[in-house]
Amino acid sequence: MGILDQFRKNKEEGREHTTPPPPGHTVAEILQDKNNSHFFGSLLERDGQGELATRVATGKLEQDDIDLLAEYRTEFSEKIAQSEKIERLLTEENVIEIARNHPDFAKIIDIVGPQKAIKVIRGQLREICFNNEGRFNAIAEPIEALDSFKNGEYKKTNNKVEKFCKDNLITQQEYLDALAIEDPVEKEKALKKLSSRTYGGFNKAVNILSLGKWAKDTTLQGLKDSETSLEDSVAELDGYKSNIGNVLFLSLSRNGDMRNALSGELLSESVPATESKNGFTDAKSEAVAFNDAEFSNAWAAFKVEMDYDSFAGDSHYDREREEVKDMFIHKQQDMYRKKRVGGGGFWASIFATLFEGKINSKRNTLK
């Protein structure tokens, strides 16, 4: 590699790139994945982009569609990242701690266990991330606030107290053992004993001779101040957990889809948190190619059934012949709808509209 190529490469490495997208996040890959294409379709449906979806489904993109698809792809990736972040923070350990700080949420954990509760919550999170931003934020914000506190002030307090103990020749376990003493008098004795390691005889003598003006036992006061800091941090942490417990309890108890999924987990049955929806490829394969021969044979049979040819050559029966054609088209569309046994969803509706439109377009060929 020449110096110019290496220079260019070094500059490129210092930039933040979004091209290519993460694996699975190109529009082509999204459409091939059942769940991802369903969520991508949710974004299009939200903005009334049925015509864009139809052009995607038929492979007839227009000039401006490239920019639109790029924008929706970016939003899709951002929402997936948001959902995955919250899913990762909902660990079994965190959920148990949250339950211990919220009696109502604890009831759910006691009924199905933490792992199954997490499964239900995670199963719903991505759906509401794409379809109910307000509700998703109501769950995500307190969870993110807890994570921010634990990695910020909580961690800072922990490091400060650990450093204080180390600087004063006190092990963490010795300090915790002293703090665990319930009797105030005995706790004071234990803390004084620990402080004596740095507050030795000389300092004590100076303090006594100066009537308490000099060489005070700052180590003892530091141990007491550290206890207050620990208590305050734990209380604040419990407050965050209680808030999360309230949000999760309301989500699990008031949302019908989540209650159904929770009921399924109670019976050890795998019940999706939301109604199964067809992805792009499912909907496309279900909307089978139009069969002209079958359509023509069906029309021939229907004409016999309705005695259609008896009206031929008589202009007085033009209206009746048109009504028979309409009846046949409606019958074909109804038969197609009954054949669609898969899940619903945005893409299913797009392909169904295309297929029924194809049937309707054949009306003018009926003789």
Protein backbone atom coordinates (compact mmCIF):
# COMPACT_ATOMS: atom_id res chain seq x y z
CA MET A 1 0.00 0.00 0.00
CA GLY A 2 1.37 3.38 -1.01
CA ILE A 3 1.66 6.34 1.31
CA LEU A 4 -1.33 8.07 -0.30
CA ASP A 5 -3.58 5.02 0.18
CA GLN A 6 -2.42 4.67 3.80
CA PHE A 7 -3.03 8.37 4.39
CA ARG A 8 -6.54 8.06 2.96
CA LYS A 9 -7.23 4.94 5.02
CA ASN A 10 -6.14 6.64 8.25
CA LYS A 11 -8.52 9.53 7.58
CA GLU A 12 -11.37 7.14 6.83
CA GLU A 13 -10.81 5.21 10.05
CA GLY A 14 -11.20 8.43 12.02
CA ARG A 15 -14.67 9.06 10.64
CA GLU A 16 -17.97 7.57 11.76
CA HIS A 17 -19.53 5.63 8.91
CA THR A 18 -23.06 4.36 8.45
CA THR A 19 -22.30 2.62 5.15
CA PRO A 20 -22.69 -0.27 4.93
CA PRO A 21 -25.46 -0.72 7.53
CA PRO A 22 -25.18 -3.37 10.26
CA PRO A 23 -25.77 -6.96 9.08
CA GLY A 24 -29.44 -7.53 8.40
CA HIS A 25 -30.27 -3.82 8.14
CA THR A 26 -30.27 -3.22 4.41
CA VAL A 27 -33.78 -2.91 3.00
CA ALA A 28 -33.19 -6.06 0.94
CA GLU A 29 -32.31 -8.04 4.09
CA ILE A 30 -35.14 -6.48 6.10
CA LEU A 31 -37.72 -7.61 3.55
CA GLN A 32 -36.44 -11.19 3.70
CA ASP A 33 -36.89 -11.41 7.49
CA LYS A 34 -40.44 -12.05 8.73
CA ASN A 35 -40.28 -9.96 11.89
CA ASN A 36 -38.11 -7.16 10.54
CA SER A 37 -40.20 -6.74 7.40
CA HIS A 38 -43.32 -6.57 9.61
CA PHE A 39 -41.76 -3.76 11.66
CA PHE A 40 -40.53 -1.98 8.51
CA GLY A 41 -44.05 -2.24 7.15
CA SER A 42 -45.36 -0.68 10.38
CA LEU A 43 -43.33 2.45 9.65
CA LEU A 44 -44.71 2.67 6.12
CA GLU A 45 -48.25 2.07 7.34
CA ARG A 46 -47.90 4.73 10.04
CA ASP A 47 -47.08 7.36 7.41
CA GLY A 48 -49.66 6.21 4.88
CA GLN A 49 -47.00 4.96 2.47
CA GLY A 50 -49.16 2.27 0.89
CA GLU A 51 -48.24 3.40 -2.62
CA LEU A 52 -44.52 3.17 -1.84
CA ALA A 53 -45.07 -0.31 -0.39
CA THR A 54 -46.96 -1.32 -3.54
CA ARG A 55 -44.07 -0.15 -5.71
CA VAL A 56 -41.67 -2.13 -3.52
CA ALA A 57 -43.89 -5.21 -3.79
CA THR A 58 -44.13 -4.95 -7.59
CA GLY A 59 -40.50 -3.96 -8.14
CA LYS A 60 -41.44 -0.65 -9.79
CA LEU A 61 -39.58 1.98 -7.77
CA GLU A 62 -39.70 5.62 -8.78
CA GLN A 63 -36.88 8.16 -8.60
CA ASP A 64 -37.80 9.59 -5.18
CA ASP A 65 -38.35 6.15 -3.63
CA ILE A 66 -34.61 5.62 -3.03
CA ASP A 67 -34.48 8.58 -0.64
CA LEU A 68 -37.68 7.48 1.09
CA LEU A 69 -36.49 3.92 1.60
CA ALA A 70 -33.14 5.20 2.92
CA GLU A 71 -34.94 7.38 5.48
CA TYR A 72 -37.18 4.53 6.65
CA ARG A 73 -34.21 2.18 6.80
CA THR A 74 -32.39 4.62 9.10
CA GLU A 75 -35.43 4.96 11.36
CA PHE A 76 -35.83 1.19 11.41
CA SER A 77 -32.21 0.72 12.57
CA GLU A 78 -32.59 3.38 15.25
CA LYS A 79 -35.71 1.76 16.68
CA ILE A 80 -34.13 -1.69 16.65
CA ALA A 81 -31.15 -0.26 18.56
CA GLN A 82 -33.45 1.41 21.10
CA SER A 83 -35.39 -1.79 21.67
CA GLU A 84 -32.29 -3.98 21.94
CA LYS A 85 -30.74 -1.63 24.50
CA ILE A 86 -33.75 -1.92 26.82
CA GLU A 87 -33.97 -5.68 26.25
CA ARG A 88 -30.32 -6.07 27.33
CA LEU A 89 -30.95 -4.05 30.51
CA LEU A 90 -33.86 -6.31 31.52
CA THR A 91 -31.70 -9.05 33.00
CA GLU A 92 -32.96 -11.63 35.45
CA GLU A 93 -30.95 -10.02 38.25
CA ASN A 94 -32.42 -6.58 37.53
CA VAL A 95 -35.98 -7.88 37.29
CA ILE A 96 -35.69 -9.65 40.65
CA GLU A 97 -34.35 -6.48 42.30
CA ILE A 98 -37.15 -4.44 40.71
CA ALA A 99 -39.75 -6.91 42.02
CA ARG A 100 -38.35 -6.63 45.54
CA ASN A 101 -39.04 -2.90 45.40
CA HIS A 102 -42.56 -3.12 43.98
CA PRO A 103 -45.06 -5.50 45.67
CA ASP A 104 -47.50 -5.60 42.72
CA PHE A 105 -44.82 -6.42 40.16
CA ALA A 106 -43.47 -9.00 42.62
CA LYS A 107 -46.81 -10.84 42.37
CA ILE A 108 -46.26 -11.37 38.64
CA ILE A 109 -42.72 -12.62 39.24
CA ASP A 110 -44.00 -14.97 41.94
CA ILE A 111 -46.61 -16.36 39.53
CA VAL A 112 -44.51 -17.08 36.42
CA GLY A 113 -40.92 -16.50 37.53
CA PRO A 114 -38.43 -13.86 36.34
CA GLN A 115 -37.35 -15.59 33.13
CA LYS A 116 -40.87 -15.99 31.74
CA ALA A 117 -41.80 -12.45 32.77
CA ILE A 118 -38.75 -11.16 30.90
CA LYS A 119 -39.71 -13.24 27.86
CA VAL A 120 -43.18 -11.66 27.75
CA ILE A 121 -41.85 -8.12 28.23
CA ARG A 122 -39.14 -8.51 25.59
CA GLY A 123 -41.63 -10.07 23.20
CA GLN A 124 -43.76 -6.94 23.39
CA LEU A 125 -41.07 -4.25 23.61
CA ARG A 126 -40.10 -4.23 19.94
CA GLU A 127 -43.74 -4.19 18.82
CA ILE A 128 -44.59 -1.12 20.89
CA CYS A 129 -41.29 0.54 19.97
CA PHE A 130 -42.50 0.63 16.36
CA ASN A 131 -46.22 1.12 16.97
CA ASN A 132 -46.59 3.06 20.23
CA GLU A 133 -43.67 5.40 20.83
CA GLY A 134 -45.23 7.01 23.90
CA ARG A 135 -45.81 3.70 25.63
CA PHE A 136 -42.32 2.48 24.74
CA ASN A 137 -40.74 5.63 26.18
CA ALA A 138 -42.76 5.20 29.37
CA ILE A 139 -41.02 1.85 29.85
CA ALA A 140 -37.61 2.76 28.44
CA GLU A 141 -37.00 6.07 30.22
CA PRO A 142 -37.03 4.79 33.84
CA ILE A 143 -34.93 1.77 32.83
CA GLU A 144 -32.38 4.02 31.12
CA ALA A 145 -32.45 6.39 34.12
CA LEU A 146 -31.62 3.47 36.42
CA ASP A 147 -28.75 2.38 34.17
CA SER A 148 -27.45 5.95 34.00
CA PHE A 149 -27.55 6.31 37.79
CA LYS A 150 -25.82 2.97 38.38
CA ASN A 151 -23.01 3.89 35.98
CA GLY A 152 -22.81 7.50 37.23
CA GLU A 153 -23.44 8.72 40.77
CA TYR A 154 -23.90 5.24 42.22
CA LYS A 155 -20.55 4.10 40.84
CA LYS A 156 -18.88 7.34 41.92
CA THR A 157 -20.10 6.85 45.52
CA ASN A 158 -18.93 3.24 45.50
CA ASN A 159 -15.43 4.18 44.29
CA LYS A 160 -15.17 7.05 46.79
CA VAL A 161 -16.03 4.84 49.77
CA GLU A 162 -13.74 2.04 48.60
CA LYS A 163 -10.85 4.51 48.26
CA PHE A 164 -11.52 5.91 51.73
CA CYS A 165 -11.38 2.44 53.26
CA LYS A 166 -8.19 1.57 51.39
CA ASP A 167 -6.49 4.84 52.38
CA ASN A 168 -7.34 4.18 56.01
CA LEU A 169 -6.18 0.53 56.05
CA ILE A 170 -9.73 -0.82 56.41
CA THR A 171 -11.00 -3.74 54.36
CA GLN A 172 -14.40 -3.48 52.72
CA GLN A 173 -15.70 -6.50 54.62
CA GLU A 174 -14.58 -5.07 58.00
CA TYR A 175 -16.45 -1.86 57.25
CA LEU A 176 -19.58 -3.68 56.08
CA ASP A 177 -19.51 -5.88 59.19
CA ALA A 178 -19.37 -2.78 61.41
CA LEU A 179 -22.23 -1.12 59.54
CA ALA A 180 -24.34 -4.26 59.91
CA ILE A 181 -24.32 -3.97 63.72
CA GLU A 182 -27.83 -2.90 64.79
CA ASP A 183 -27.00 -1.69 68.31
CA PRO A 184 -25.91 1.99 68.00
CA VAL A 185 -23.46 1.81 70.90
CA GLU A 186 -21.78 -1.33 69.63
CA LYS A 187 -21.65 0.08 66.10
CA GLU A 188 -19.90 3.22 67.42
CA LYS A 189 -17.34 1.04 69.20
CA ALA A 190 -16.69 -0.97 66.06
CA LEU A 191 -16.24 2.15 63.91
CA LYS A 192 -13.87 3.69 66.48
CA LYS A 193 -11.84 0.51 66.48
CA LEU A 194 -11.48 0.69 62.70
CA SER A 195 -10.58 4.38 62.81
CA SER A 196 -7.84 3.75 65.38
CA ARG A 197 -5.63 2.31 62.61
CA THR A 198 -4.91 5.81 61.36
CA TYR A 199 -5.98 7.76 64.42
CA GLY A 200 -3.20 6.49 66.70
CA GLY A 201 -1.97 7.30 70.18
CA PHE A 202 -0.15 10.53 69.28
CA ASN A 203 -3.18 12.04 67.59
CA LYS A 204 -5.40 10.99 70.48
CA ALA A 205 -3.03 12.62 72.99
CA VAL A 206 -2.93 15.87 71.02
CA ASN A 207 -6.71 15.90 70.83
CA ILE A 208 -7.05 15.38 74.57
CA LEU A 209 -4.45 18.03 75.49
CA SER A 210 -6.04 20.59 73.14
CA LEU A 211 -9.48 19.85 74.57
CA GLY A 212 -10.65 18.57 71.25
CA LYS A 213 -9.44 21.52 69.16
CA TRP A 214 -6.66 19.67 67.29
CA ALA A 215 -6.08 16.22 65.84
CA LYS A 216 -9.74 15.21 65.74
CA ASP A 217 -10.66 11.70 64.67
CA THR A 218 -11.41 12.53 61.03
CA THR A 219 -11.30 8.85 60.10
CA LEU A 220 -14.27 8.09 62.36
CA GLN A 221 -16.21 10.99 60.89
CA GLY A 222 -15.30 9.82 57.40
CA LEU A 223 -16.66 6.36 58.17
CA LYS A 224 -19.93 7.90 59.33
CA ASP A 225 -20.15 10.18 56.31
CA SER A 226 -19.49 7.22 54.03
CA GLU A 227 -22.33 5.30 55.66
CA THR A 228 -24.67 8.21 54.95
CA SER A 229 -23.52 8.28 51.32
CA LEU A 230 -24.12 4.55 50.99
CA GLU A 231 -27.58 4.80 52.54
CA ASP A 232 -28.56 7.70 50.27
CA SER A 233 -27.36 5.89 47.15
CA VAL A 234 -29.22 2.70 48.02
CA ALA A 235 -32.41 4.67 48.74
CA GLU A 236 -32.15 6.48 45.39
CA LEU A 237 -31.47 3.20 43.60
CA ASP A 238 -34.53 1.62 45.21
CA GLY A 239 -36.60 4.59 44.06
CA TYR A 240 -35.60 3.98 40.44
CA LYS A 241 -36.43 0.29 40.78
CA SER A 242 -39.83 1.06 42.28
CA ASN A 243 -40.65 3.36 39.34
CA ILE A 244 -39.71 0.65 36.85
CA GLY A 245 -41.74 -1.92 38.77
CA ASN A 246 -44.79 0.30 38.55
CA VAL A 247 -44.41 0.78 34.78
CA LEU A 248 -43.84 -2.92 34.10
CA PHE A 249 -46.73 -3.98 36.33
CA LEU A 250 -49.14 -1.63 34.54
CA SER A 251 -47.90 -2.85 31.14
CA LEU A 252 -48.31 -6.51 32.03
CA SER A 253 -51.65 -6.17 33.83
CA ARG A 254 -53.48 -3.66 31.61
CA ASN A 255 -52.40 -4.70 28.12
CA GLY A 256 -54.51 -7.55 26.71
CA ASP A 257 -51.79 -8.94 24.45
CA MET A 258 -49.29 -9.08 27.28
CA ARG A 259 -51.82 -10.67 29.64
CA ASN A 260 -52.52 -13.37 27.04
CA ALA A 261 -48.81 -14.03 26.64
CA LEU A 262 -48.42 -14.10 30.43
CA SER A 263 -51.28 -16.60 30.67
CA GLY A 264 -49.57 -18.77 28.08
CA GLU A 265 -46.32 -18.73 30.04
CA LEU A 266 -48.28 -19.69 33.16
CA LEU A 267 -49.37 -22.85 31.31
CA SER A 268 -45.91 -23.29 29.75
CA GLU A 269 -47.40 -22.61 26.33
CA SER A 270 -45.60 -20.43 23.83
CA VAL A 271 -48.09 -17.65 23.13
CA PRO A 272 -46.85 -14.62 21.17
CA ALA A 273 -47.28 -11.27 22.91
CA THR A 274 -49.01 -9.95 19.80
CA GLU A 275 -51.06 -11.43 16.98
CA SER A 276 -48.85 -13.12 14.41
CA LYS A 277 -48.38 -10.95 11.33
CA ASN A 278 -47.14 -11.96 7.91
CA GLY A 279 -43.78 -10.62 6.84
CA PHE A 280 -43.01 -9.49 3.30
CA THR A 281 -41.97 -12.90 1.93
CA ASP A 282 -44.86 -14.70 3.70
CA ALA A 283 -47.40 -12.31 2.22
CA LYS A 284 -45.78 -12.50 -1.20
CA SER A 285 -45.77 -16.29 -1.30
CA GLU A 286 -49.38 -16.40 -0.10
CA ALA A 287 -50.46 -14.08 -2.90
CA VAL A 288 -49.80 -16.70 -5.57
CA ALA A 289 -49.36 -15.74 -9.20
CA PHE A 290 -52.60 -15.13 -11.05
CA ASN A 291 -53.67 -18.22 -13.03
CA ASP A 292 -55.39 -17.16 -16.26
CA ALA A 293 -56.45 -20.71 -17.13
CA GLU A 294 -58.17 -21.26 -13.78
CA PHE A 295 -59.87 -17.89 -14.07
CA SER A 296 -61.15 -18.66 -17.59
CA ASN A 297 -62.43 -22.11 -16.54
CA ALA A 298 -64.19 -20.62 -13.52
CA TRP A 299 -65.84 -18.01 -15.73
CA ALA A 300 -66.99 -20.65 -18.20
CA ALA A 301 -68.58 -22.67 -15.37
CA PHE A 302 -70.18 -19.58 -13.84
CA LYS A 303 -71.72 -18.59 -17.19
CA VAL A 304 -73.38 -22.00 -17.43
CA GLU A 305 -74.60 -21.75 -13.85
CA MET A 306 -76.12 -18.31 -14.47
CA ASP A 307 -77.40 -19.17 -17.97
CA TYR A 308 -75.36 -16.20 -19.21
CA ASP A 309 -75.32 -17.17 -22.90
CA SER A 310 -79.10 -17.06 -23.09
CA PHE A 311 -78.78 -13.28 -22.85
CA ALA A 312 -76.38 -13.09 -25.80
CA GLY A 313 -77.36 -11.00 -28.83
CA ASP A 314 -80.17 -9.20 -27.06
CA SER A 315 -79.32 -5.61 -26.03
CA HIS A 316 -82.25 -5.62 -23.60
CA TYR A 317 -80.22 -7.90 -21.34
CA ASP A 318 -76.98 -5.82 -21.32
CA ARG A 319 -77.60 -4.79 -17.73
CA GLU A 320 -78.16 -8.40 -16.62
CA ARG A 321 -74.94 -9.52 -18.33
CA GLU A 322 -72.96 -6.78 -16.54
CA GLU A 323 -74.48 -7.81 -13.21
CA VAL A 324 -73.40 -11.43 -13.82
CA LYS A 325 -69.85 -10.24 -14.52
CA ASP A 326 -69.85 -8.23 -11.27
CA MET A 327 -71.13 -11.25 -9.36
CA PHE A 328 -68.37 -13.41 -10.79
CA ILE A 329 -65.60 -10.91 -9.95
CA HIS A 330 -66.88 -10.54 -6.38
CA LYS A 331 -67.06 -14.32 -6.05
CA GLN A 332 -63.45 -14.72 -7.23
CA GLN A 333 -62.27 -12.08 -4.77
CA ASP A 334 -64.17 -13.72 -1.91
CA MET A 335 -62.64 -17.09 -2.79
CA TYR A 336 -59.16 -15.54 -2.71
CA ARG A 337 -59.79 -13.97 0.71
CA LYS A 338 -60.90 -17.33 2.11
CA LYS A 339 -57.74 -18.99 0.80
CA ARG A 340 -55.58 -16.55 2.75
CA VAL A 341 -55.00 -18.57 5.90
CA GLY A 342 -51.84 -16.84 7.10
CA GLY A 343 -51.49 -13.92 9.49
CA GLY A 344 -52.60 -10.42 8.68
CA GLY A 345 -50.46 -7.35 8.70
CA PHE A 346 -49.47 -4.52 6.42
CA TRP A 347 -47.72 -6.55 3.72
CA ALA A 348 -50.57 -9.07 3.58
CA SER A 349 -52.97 -6.21 2.90
CA ILE A 350 -50.67 -4.80 0.19
CA PHE A 351 -50.40 -8.11 -1.69
CA ALA A 352 -54.09 -8.85 -1.20
CA THR A 353 -54.97 -5.50 -2.76
CA LEU A 354 -52.65 -6.24 -5.69
CA PHE A 355 -54.15 -9.68 -6.25
CA GLU A 356 -57.75 -8.51 -5.96
CA GLY A 357 -56.91 -5.64 -8.28
CA LYS A 358 -55.63 -8.16 -10.81
CA ILE A 359 -58.93 -10.05 -10.57
CA ASN A 360 -60.88 -6.83 -11.01
CA SER A 361 -58.79 -5.86 -14.04
CA LYS A 362 -59.83 -9.10 -15.77
CA ARG A 363 -63.46 -8.01 -15.78
CA ASN A 364 -63.10 -6.32 -19.15
CA THR A 365 -61.91 -9.58 -20.68
CA LEU A 366 -65.11 -11.42 -19.74
CA LYS A 367 -67.18 -12.31 -22.82
